[in-house]
């Protein structure tokens, strides 16, 4: 490599490094982006409570399995906002994450299963 080409090579490597850093730090993962305005969390009661099981607005109602925003709908299996999506399974804010099962704000917590007023929502 000639001396005159070293400066061009350095600038090229510097530009590529800056571009890669910019792309890495500005993108958000699908799991983080899924927390904003998610229709899967519109139900403001505990969907696992037996008293709410057959509520027509409950997204986990067996009768509404094929509704557009039901997380169990097979058409929504790969939706990045769906909390049942395998890509979101271990998201720290997902109430269906096995690590969050005993979170006091999780409606799936065995202590909260009979509390009808704990909503299904992303966990803090």
N, C-alpha and C. Protein backbone atom coordinates (compact mmCIF):
# COMPACT_ATOMS: atom_id res chain seq x y z
N UNK A 1 0.85 -1.17 0.00
CA UNK A 1 0.00 0.00 0.00
C UNK A 1 0.90 1.23 0.00
N UNK A 2 0.57 2.14 -0.89
CA UNK A 2 1.35 3.37 -0.96
C UNK A 2 0.95 4.30 0.17
N UNK A 3 1.83 5.23 0.48
CA UNK A 3 1.57 6.19 1.55
C UNK A 3 0.33 7.02 1.26
N UNK A 4 0.12 7.37 0.01
CA UNK A 4 -1.02 8.22 -0.34
C UNK A 4 -2.35 7.48 -0.18
N UNK A 5 -2.34 6.16 -0.22
CA UNK A 5 -3.58 5.39 -0.08
C UNK A 5 -3.94 5.12 1.38
N UNK A 6 -3.01 5.29 2.29
CA UNK A 6 -3.27 5.01 3.70
C UNK A 6 -4.35 5.92 4.27
N UNK A 7 -4.35 7.16 3.89
CA UNK A 7 -5.35 8.10 4.38
C UNK A 7 -6.75 7.73 3.89
N UNK A 8 -6.86 7.32 2.63
CA UNK A 8 -8.16 6.92 2.08
C UNK A 8 -8.65 5.65 2.77
N UNK A 9 -7.75 4.72 3.01
CA UNK A 9 -8.10 3.48 3.70
C UNK A 9 -8.58 3.77 5.12
N UNK A 10 -7.87 4.64 5.83
CA UNK A 10 -8.25 5.01 7.19
C UNK A 10 -9.62 5.66 7.22
N UNK A 11 -9.88 6.57 6.29
CA UNK A 11 -11.19 7.23 6.25
C UNK A 11 -12.30 6.24 5.92
N UNK A 12 -12.03 5.29 5.06
CA UNK A 12 -13.02 4.27 4.73
C UNK A 12 -13.36 3.40 5.93
N UNK A 13 -12.35 2.97 6.66
CA UNK A 13 -12.57 2.15 7.85
C UNK A 13 -13.29 2.97 8.92
N UNK A 14 -12.91 4.21 9.09
CA UNK A 14 -13.55 5.08 10.07
C UNK A 14 -15.03 5.28 9.72
N UNK A 15 -15.31 5.52 8.45
CA UNK A 15 -16.70 5.72 8.01
C UNK A 15 -17.52 4.45 8.24
N UNK A 16 -16.97 3.29 7.90
CA UNK A 16 -17.70 2.03 8.10
C UNK A 16 -17.96 1.77 9.59
N UNK A 17 -17.00 2.06 10.42
CA UNK A 17 -17.16 1.88 11.86
C UNK A 17 -18.22 2.80 12.43
N UNK A 18 -18.22 4.05 11.98
CA UNK A 18 -19.23 5.00 12.45
C UNK A 18 -20.62 4.59 11.97
N UNK A 19 -20.72 4.13 10.73
CA UNK A 19 -22.00 3.70 10.19
C UNK A 19 -22.52 2.48 10.95
N UNK A 20 -21.67 1.53 11.22
CA UNK A 20 -22.06 0.34 11.97
C UNK A 20 -22.50 0.72 13.39
N UNK A 21 -21.77 1.62 14.04
CA UNK A 21 -22.15 2.08 15.37
C UNK A 21 -23.49 2.79 15.37
N UNK A 22 -23.72 3.60 14.36
CA UNK A 22 -24.99 4.31 14.26
C UNK A 22 -26.15 3.34 14.09
N UNK A 23 -25.98 2.35 13.24
CA UNK A 23 -27.04 1.37 13.01
C UNK A 23 -27.30 0.55 14.26
N UNK A 24 -26.26 0.15 14.96
CA UNK A 24 -26.43 -0.67 16.16
C UNK A 24 -27.11 0.08 17.30
N UNK A 25 -26.81 1.35 17.46
CA UNK A 25 -27.35 2.09 18.58
C UNK A 25 -28.68 2.76 18.30
N UNK A 26 -29.11 2.83 17.06
CA UNK A 26 -30.39 3.46 16.78
C UNK A 26 -31.51 2.47 16.56
N UNK A 27 -31.22 1.23 16.28
CA UNK A 27 -32.28 0.24 16.09
C UNK A 27 -32.76 -0.28 17.43
N UNK A 28 -34.05 -0.61 17.49
CA UNK A 28 -34.59 -1.24 18.68
C UNK A 28 -35.03 -2.64 18.30
N UNK A 29 -34.98 -3.51 19.25
CA UNK A 29 -35.40 -4.89 18.97
C UNK A 29 -36.91 -4.93 18.85
N UNK A 30 -37.47 -5.96 18.20
CA UNK A 30 -38.92 -6.06 18.07
C UNK A 30 -39.63 -6.16 19.41
N UNK A 31 -38.98 -6.79 20.39
CA UNK A 31 -39.61 -6.93 21.68
C UNK A 31 -39.76 -5.58 22.38
N UNK A 32 -38.77 -4.70 22.25
CA UNK A 32 -38.86 -3.38 22.86
C UNK A 32 -39.87 -2.53 22.11
N UNK A 33 -39.87 -2.59 20.81
CA UNK A 33 -40.81 -1.81 20.02
C UNK A 33 -42.23 -2.31 20.20
N UNK A 34 -42.40 -3.55 20.62
CA UNK A 34 -43.74 -4.13 20.76
C UNK A 34 -44.50 -3.54 21.93
N UNK A 35 -43.85 -2.86 22.84
CA UNK A 35 -44.53 -2.33 24.01
C UNK A 35 -45.34 -1.08 23.71
N UNK A 36 -45.10 -0.42 22.61
CA UNK A 36 -45.78 0.83 22.29
C UNK A 36 -47.07 0.56 21.54
N UNK A 37 -48.19 1.02 22.08
CA UNK A 37 -49.50 0.93 21.43
C UNK A 37 -49.79 -0.48 20.96
N UNK A 38 -49.84 -1.40 21.87
CA UNK A 38 -50.04 -2.79 21.53
C UNK A 38 -51.50 -3.18 21.71
N UNK A 39 -52.20 -3.57 20.64
CA UNK A 39 -53.62 -3.93 20.78
C UNK A 39 -53.84 -5.22 21.57
N UNK A 40 -52.81 -6.00 21.78
CA UNK A 40 -52.97 -7.24 22.54
C UNK A 40 -53.15 -6.96 24.03
N UNK A 41 -52.83 -5.75 24.47
CA UNK A 41 -52.95 -5.40 25.88
C UNK A 41 -54.11 -4.43 26.13
N UNK A 42 -55.10 -4.38 25.25
CA UNK A 42 -56.20 -3.43 25.42
C UNK A 42 -57.20 -3.85 26.50
N UNK A 43 -57.19 -5.07 26.93
CA UNK A 43 -58.14 -5.55 27.93
C UNK A 43 -57.69 -5.08 29.30
N UNK A 44 -58.57 -4.35 30.01
CA UNK A 44 -58.17 -3.73 31.28
C UNK A 44 -58.54 -4.54 32.52
N UNK A 45 -58.90 -5.79 32.34
CA UNK A 45 -59.18 -6.69 33.47
C UNK A 45 -58.24 -7.88 33.41
N UNK A 46 -58.32 -8.71 34.41
CA UNK A 46 -57.49 -9.91 34.45
C UNK A 46 -58.12 -10.98 33.54
N UNK A 47 -57.51 -11.30 32.40
CA UNK A 47 -58.13 -12.28 31.50
C UNK A 47 -58.08 -13.71 32.01
N UNK A 48 -57.28 -13.98 33.05
CA UNK A 48 -57.16 -15.33 33.58
C UNK A 48 -58.13 -15.60 34.73
N UNK A 49 -58.83 -14.57 35.19
CA UNK A 49 -59.81 -14.71 36.25
C UNK A 49 -61.01 -15.49 35.72
N UNK A 50 -61.50 -16.49 36.45
CA UNK A 50 -62.65 -17.27 35.96
C UNK A 50 -63.89 -16.42 35.70
N UNK A 51 -64.06 -15.32 36.45
CA UNK A 51 -65.22 -14.46 36.24
C UNK A 51 -65.13 -13.71 34.91
N UNK A 52 -63.93 -13.50 34.40
CA UNK A 52 -63.73 -12.76 33.14
C UNK A 52 -63.48 -13.69 31.94
N UNK A 53 -63.51 -14.99 32.18
CA UNK A 53 -63.12 -15.93 31.12
C UNK A 53 -63.97 -15.80 29.87
N UNK A 54 -65.28 -15.60 30.02
CA UNK A 54 -66.17 -15.55 28.87
C UNK A 54 -66.63 -14.14 28.52
N UNK A 55 -65.94 -13.15 29.04
CA UNK A 55 -66.23 -11.76 28.68
C UNK A 55 -65.93 -11.59 27.18
N UNK A 56 -66.85 -11.01 26.39
CA UNK A 56 -66.61 -10.89 24.94
C UNK A 56 -65.39 -10.04 24.58
N UNK A 57 -64.96 -9.16 25.47
CA UNK A 57 -63.79 -8.32 25.20
C UNK A 57 -62.48 -8.98 25.63
N UNK A 58 -62.58 -10.09 26.34
CA UNK A 58 -61.38 -10.79 26.81
C UNK A 58 -60.66 -11.40 25.61
N UNK A 59 -59.38 -11.03 25.40
CA UNK A 59 -58.66 -11.58 24.25
C UNK A 59 -58.39 -13.08 24.38
N UNK A 60 -58.48 -13.62 25.58
CA UNK A 60 -58.24 -15.05 25.78
C UNK A 60 -59.53 -15.85 25.88
N UNK A 61 -60.66 -15.23 25.56
CA UNK A 61 -61.96 -15.91 25.54
C UNK A 61 -61.91 -16.99 24.46
N UNK A 62 -62.25 -18.23 24.79
CA UNK A 62 -62.21 -19.29 23.77
C UNK A 62 -63.12 -19.01 22.57
N UNK A 63 -64.22 -18.28 22.79
CA UNK A 63 -65.13 -17.99 21.68
C UNK A 63 -64.56 -16.95 20.72
N UNK A 64 -63.61 -16.16 21.18
CA UNK A 64 -63.03 -15.13 20.31
C UNK A 64 -61.62 -15.51 19.84
N UNK A 65 -61.38 -16.79 19.69
CA UNK A 65 -60.04 -17.26 19.31
C UNK A 65 -59.58 -16.71 17.97
N UNK A 66 -60.50 -16.48 17.06
CA UNK A 66 -60.11 -16.03 15.72
C UNK A 66 -60.37 -14.54 15.50
N UNK A 67 -60.51 -13.79 16.56
CA UNK A 67 -60.65 -12.33 16.44
C UNK A 67 -59.29 -11.75 16.04
N UNK A 68 -59.29 -10.56 15.40
CA UNK A 68 -58.03 -10.02 14.85
C UNK A 68 -56.91 -9.82 15.86
N UNK A 69 -57.21 -9.41 17.08
CA UNK A 69 -56.14 -9.14 18.04
C UNK A 69 -56.09 -10.14 19.18
N UNK A 70 -56.56 -11.34 18.93
CA UNK A 70 -56.42 -12.40 19.92
C UNK A 70 -55.02 -12.98 19.80
N UNK A 71 -54.25 -13.01 20.89
CA UNK A 71 -52.88 -13.52 20.80
C UNK A 71 -52.81 -15.00 20.44
N UNK A 72 -53.90 -15.73 20.65
CA UNK A 72 -53.92 -17.16 20.32
C UNK A 72 -54.35 -17.43 18.89
N UNK A 73 -54.74 -16.41 18.16
CA UNK A 73 -55.15 -16.56 16.77
C UNK A 73 -53.94 -17.04 15.95
N UNK A 74 -54.07 -18.13 15.19
CA UNK A 74 -52.92 -18.62 14.41
C UNK A 74 -52.41 -17.60 13.40
N UNK A 75 -53.27 -16.70 12.95
CA UNK A 75 -52.83 -15.67 12.00
C UNK A 75 -51.89 -14.67 12.66
N UNK A 76 -51.92 -14.57 13.98
CA UNK A 76 -51.06 -13.63 14.71
C UNK A 76 -49.83 -14.29 15.31
N UNK A 77 -49.57 -15.51 14.96
CA UNK A 77 -48.48 -16.26 15.60
C UNK A 77 -47.12 -15.59 15.44
N UNK A 78 -46.89 -14.90 14.33
CA UNK A 78 -45.59 -14.29 14.09
C UNK A 78 -45.63 -12.78 14.10
N UNK A 79 -46.71 -12.21 14.64
CA UNK A 79 -46.80 -10.77 14.77
C UNK A 79 -45.79 -10.32 15.82
N UNK A 80 -44.92 -9.34 15.51
CA UNK A 80 -43.89 -8.95 16.49
C UNK A 80 -44.45 -8.33 17.76
N UNK A 81 -45.70 -7.87 17.75
CA UNK A 81 -46.29 -7.29 18.96
C UNK A 81 -47.01 -8.32 19.81
N UNK A 82 -47.19 -9.52 19.31
CA UNK A 82 -47.92 -10.56 20.02
C UNK A 82 -47.08 -11.09 21.18
N UNK A 83 -47.61 -11.04 22.42
CA UNK A 83 -46.84 -11.55 23.55
C UNK A 83 -46.63 -13.06 23.51
N UNK A 84 -47.47 -13.80 22.76
CA UNK A 84 -47.31 -15.24 22.61
C UNK A 84 -46.29 -15.61 21.54
N UNK A 85 -45.79 -14.63 20.80
CA UNK A 85 -44.81 -14.89 19.75
C UNK A 85 -43.54 -15.45 20.39
N UNK A 86 -42.96 -16.47 19.77
CA UNK A 86 -41.75 -17.08 20.34
C UNK A 86 -40.59 -16.10 20.44
N UNK A 87 -40.55 -15.11 19.57
CA UNK A 87 -39.48 -14.11 19.63
C UNK A 87 -39.59 -13.24 20.89
N UNK A 88 -40.80 -13.12 21.44
CA UNK A 88 -41.02 -12.29 22.63
C UNK A 88 -41.12 -13.11 23.91
N UNK A 89 -40.93 -14.40 23.82
CA UNK A 89 -41.15 -15.28 24.97
C UNK A 89 -40.32 -14.89 26.18
N UNK A 90 -39.08 -14.48 25.97
CA UNK A 90 -38.20 -14.17 27.09
C UNK A 90 -37.96 -12.68 27.26
N UNK A 91 -38.84 -11.86 26.72
CA UNK A 91 -38.77 -10.41 26.92
C UNK A 91 -39.05 -10.12 28.40
N UNK A 92 -38.27 -9.23 29.00
CA UNK A 92 -38.42 -8.96 30.44
C UNK A 92 -39.75 -8.30 30.77
N UNK A 93 -40.41 -7.69 29.79
CA UNK A 93 -41.69 -7.02 30.05
C UNK A 93 -42.89 -7.88 29.69
N UNK A 94 -42.66 -9.06 29.17
CA UNK A 94 -43.75 -9.93 28.73
C UNK A 94 -44.33 -10.67 29.93
N UNK A 95 -45.65 -10.54 30.17
CA UNK A 95 -46.23 -11.26 31.31
C UNK A 95 -46.23 -12.77 31.13
N UNK A 96 -46.06 -13.26 29.90
CA UNK A 96 -46.04 -14.70 29.65
C UNK A 96 -44.63 -15.29 29.76
N UNK A 97 -43.65 -14.46 30.09
CA UNK A 97 -42.28 -14.92 30.30
C UNK A 97 -42.25 -15.81 31.54
N UNK A 98 -41.69 -17.01 31.47
CA UNK A 98 -41.65 -17.88 32.65
C UNK A 98 -40.95 -17.25 33.85
N UNK A 99 -40.02 -16.34 33.62
CA UNK A 99 -39.33 -15.68 34.73
C UNK A 99 -40.22 -14.67 35.45
N UNK A 100 -41.30 -14.23 34.80
CA UNK A 100 -42.19 -13.23 35.39
C UNK A 100 -43.43 -13.84 36.04
N UNK A 101 -43.49 -15.13 36.17
CA UNK A 101 -44.71 -15.77 36.65
C UNK A 101 -45.08 -15.33 38.07
N UNK A 102 -44.09 -15.01 38.90
CA UNK A 102 -44.38 -14.60 40.28
C UNK A 102 -44.25 -13.10 40.49
N UNK A 103 -44.21 -12.33 39.42
CA UNK A 103 -44.19 -10.88 39.54
C UNK A 103 -45.52 -10.42 40.15
N UNK A 104 -45.51 -9.56 41.17
CA UNK A 104 -46.76 -9.16 41.81
C UNK A 104 -47.72 -8.40 40.90
N UNK A 105 -47.23 -7.85 39.80
CA UNK A 105 -48.11 -7.11 38.88
C UNK A 105 -48.56 -7.97 37.70
N UNK A 106 -48.19 -9.23 37.70
CA UNK A 106 -48.54 -10.13 36.62
C UNK A 106 -49.89 -10.79 36.92
N UNK A 107 -50.86 -10.71 36.00
CA UNK A 107 -52.15 -11.36 36.26
C UNK A 107 -52.05 -12.89 36.28
N UNK A 108 -50.97 -13.44 35.74
CA UNK A 108 -50.79 -14.90 35.76
C UNK A 108 -50.22 -15.40 37.08
N UNK A 109 -49.81 -14.50 37.96
CA UNK A 109 -49.28 -14.87 39.26
C UNK A 109 -50.37 -15.64 40.02
N UNK A 110 -50.05 -16.80 40.59
CA UNK A 110 -51.08 -17.56 41.32
C UNK A 110 -51.78 -16.76 42.41
N UNK A 111 -51.11 -15.79 43.00
CA UNK A 111 -51.74 -14.95 44.02
C UNK A 111 -52.74 -13.97 43.41
N UNK A 112 -52.61 -13.66 42.12
CA UNK A 112 -53.49 -12.68 41.48
C UNK A 112 -54.57 -13.31 40.59
N UNK A 113 -54.62 -14.61 40.51
CA UNK A 113 -55.51 -15.25 39.55
C UNK A 113 -56.98 -14.93 39.85
N UNK A 114 -57.34 -14.69 41.10
CA UNK A 114 -58.72 -14.38 41.44
C UNK A 114 -58.96 -12.89 41.64
N UNK A 115 -57.98 -12.08 41.36
CA UNK A 115 -58.16 -10.63 41.41
C UNK A 115 -58.56 -10.16 40.02
N UNK A 116 -59.83 -9.74 39.82
CA UNK A 116 -60.28 -9.40 38.46
C UNK A 116 -59.76 -8.07 37.95
N UNK A 117 -59.12 -7.28 38.80
CA UNK A 117 -58.76 -5.91 38.40
C UNK A 117 -57.29 -5.73 38.06
N UNK A 118 -56.52 -6.75 38.02
CA UNK A 118 -55.11 -6.63 37.58
C UNK A 118 -55.11 -6.82 36.07
N UNK A 119 -54.83 -5.76 35.31
CA UNK A 119 -54.94 -5.87 33.86
C UNK A 119 -53.76 -6.61 33.24
N UNK A 120 -54.02 -7.14 32.06
CA UNK A 120 -52.95 -7.75 31.28
C UNK A 120 -52.23 -6.61 30.58
N UNK A 121 -50.98 -6.40 30.94
CA UNK A 121 -50.20 -5.30 30.38
C UNK A 121 -48.72 -5.65 30.45
N UNK A 122 -47.88 -4.93 29.69
CA UNK A 122 -46.44 -5.17 29.81
C UNK A 122 -45.98 -4.86 31.23
N UNK A 123 -45.12 -5.69 31.75
CA UNK A 123 -44.66 -5.51 33.13
C UNK A 123 -43.55 -4.48 33.20
N UNK A 124 -43.51 -3.72 34.29
CA UNK A 124 -42.44 -2.69 34.42
C UNK A 124 -41.10 -3.30 34.71
